[in-house]
Protein backbone atom coordinates (compact mmCIF):
# COMPACT_ATOMS: atom_id res chain seq x y z
CA MET A 1 17.06 249.50 142.09
CA ILE A 2 15.70 253.01 142.73
CA GLY A 3 15.97 253.87 138.98
CA LEU A 4 14.20 250.38 138.24
CA ILE A 5 11.34 251.36 140.73
CA LYS A 6 11.27 255.23 139.10
CA LYS A 7 10.93 253.52 135.70
CA LEU A 8 8.11 251.27 136.75
CA PHE A 9 6.14 253.80 138.47
CA SER A 10 6.73 256.98 136.73
CA SER A 11 3.96 258.38 134.54
CA ALA A 12 5.79 260.78 132.45
CA PRO A 13 7.50 259.28 129.58
CA ALA A 14 11.58 259.90 129.47
CA ILE A 15 12.53 262.80 127.24
CA ASP A 16 15.13 262.37 124.88
CA TYR A 17 17.29 265.53 125.18
CA LYS A 18 19.94 264.38 122.67
CA THR A 19 17.08 264.24 119.92
CA LEU A 20 15.64 267.89 121.18
CA ILE A 21 19.25 269.15 120.68
CA ASN A 22 19.55 267.61 117.35
CA ASN A 23 16.16 268.91 116.35
CA GLY A 24 17.16 272.68 117.21
CA ALA A 25 16.12 272.94 120.80
CA GLN A 26 17.94 275.84 122.80
CA ILE A 27 19.37 275.41 126.11
CA ILE A 28 18.81 278.06 128.85
CA ASP A 29 21.06 277.93 131.70
CA VAL A 30 19.46 280.14 134.56
CA ARG A 31 22.22 280.01 137.22
CA THR A 32 24.19 283.09 138.01
CA SER A 33 26.96 284.19 135.51
CA GLY A 34 29.33 283.22 138.04
CA GLU A 35 28.22 279.74 138.28
CA PHE A 36 27.83 279.49 134.43
CA ALA A 37 31.53 280.44 134.32
CA GLY A 38 32.40 277.21 136.31
CA GLY A 39 30.87 275.06 133.74
CA HIS A 40 27.90 274.48 131.59
CA VAL A 41 26.36 272.47 128.83
CA LYS A 42 27.94 273.14 125.73
CA GLY A 43 26.03 275.49 123.33
CA SER A 44 23.90 276.83 126.27
CA LYS A 45 23.07 280.43 127.01
CA ASN A 46 23.46 281.84 130.10
CA ILE A 47 20.11 283.99 131.59
CA PRO A 48 20.22 284.00 134.99
CA LEU A 49 16.64 283.66 136.58
CA SER A 50 16.55 286.95 138.13
CA ALA A 51 17.20 288.56 134.68
CA LEU A 52 14.80 286.14 132.62
CA PRO A 53 11.51 288.31 132.72
CA ASN A 54 13.52 291.00 130.90
CA GLN A 55 15.31 288.85 128.52
CA ILE A 56 12.73 286.65 127.33
CA SER A 57 13.20 288.29 123.56
CA LYS A 58 16.93 286.59 123.68
CA ILE A 59 14.86 283.13 123.27
CA ASP A 60 13.36 281.96 120.02
CA LYS A 61 9.77 281.29 120.91
CA LYS A 62 9.49 278.93 117.54
CA LYS A 63 12.30 276.28 119.16
CA ALA A 64 11.81 274.01 121.66
CA VAL A 65 13.59 275.19 125.23
CA ILE A 66 15.55 273.21 127.66
CA VAL A 67 16.00 275.01 130.90
CA CYS A 68 18.54 273.96 133.49
CA CYS A 69 20.23 275.18 136.43
CA ALA A 70 22.25 273.59 139.48
CA SER A 71 19.55 271.21 140.71
CA GLY A 72 16.27 271.76 138.88
CA MET A 73 14.72 274.27 141.31
CA ARG A 74 15.22 277.53 139.32
CA SER A 75 14.95 275.83 136.19
CA ALA A 76 11.31 274.60 137.12
CA SER A 77 10.70 278.41 138.03
CA ALA A 78 12.00 279.35 134.71
CA ALA A 79 10.19 276.86 132.78
CA SER A 80 6.87 278.27 134.72
CA ILE A 81 7.73 281.69 133.39
CA LEU A 82 8.39 280.66 129.86
CA ARG A 83 5.17 278.72 129.62
CA ARG A 84 3.30 281.70 130.87
CA GLU A 85 4.77 284.08 128.32
CA GLY A 86 3.46 281.86 125.44
CA PHE A 87 6.43 279.28 124.98
CA SER A 88 4.82 276.03 123.82
CA GLU A 89 7.65 273.53 124.10
CA VAL A 90 9.59 274.08 127.52
CA TYR A 91 11.50 271.30 128.99
CA ASN A 92 12.88 271.46 132.61
CA GLY A 93 16.21 269.96 132.24
CA GLY A 94 17.17 269.71 135.84
CA GLY A 95 20.49 270.20 136.94
CA TRP A 96 23.27 271.14 134.19
CA MET A 97 25.54 268.34 134.97
CA SER A 98 22.96 265.55 134.63
CA LEU A 99 21.47 267.33 131.50
CA ASN A 100 24.79 267.55 130.04
CA ASN A 101 25.43 263.53 130.77
CA LYS A 102 21.96 262.95 129.29
CA ILE A 103 22.97 264.73 125.94
CA TYR A 104 26.74 264.11 125.59
CA LYS A 105 27.68 260.82 127.37
CA GLN A 106 24.80 258.55 126.14
């Protein structure tokens, strides 16, 4: 029921993460390396949020970027940083488990 209400009143279109990945998007997981080692989205690259400003060069500006973390808070911060640094196509994928389900379990 809540999902239906969100769909009815949501102004943002749903993002098709599976298509983004199929079109070459890169997934950046901004959790700590310990959290990442405990599980992550297949093919994602781990760049902890605290290290992101110094490791921006590891991310291809020409490709779409999907950022994820544990809940969506750190990935929101990471998305803001990337946009400030000139990345044009950045998506906050939220929590990595939810993102993983959207990509691989549909």
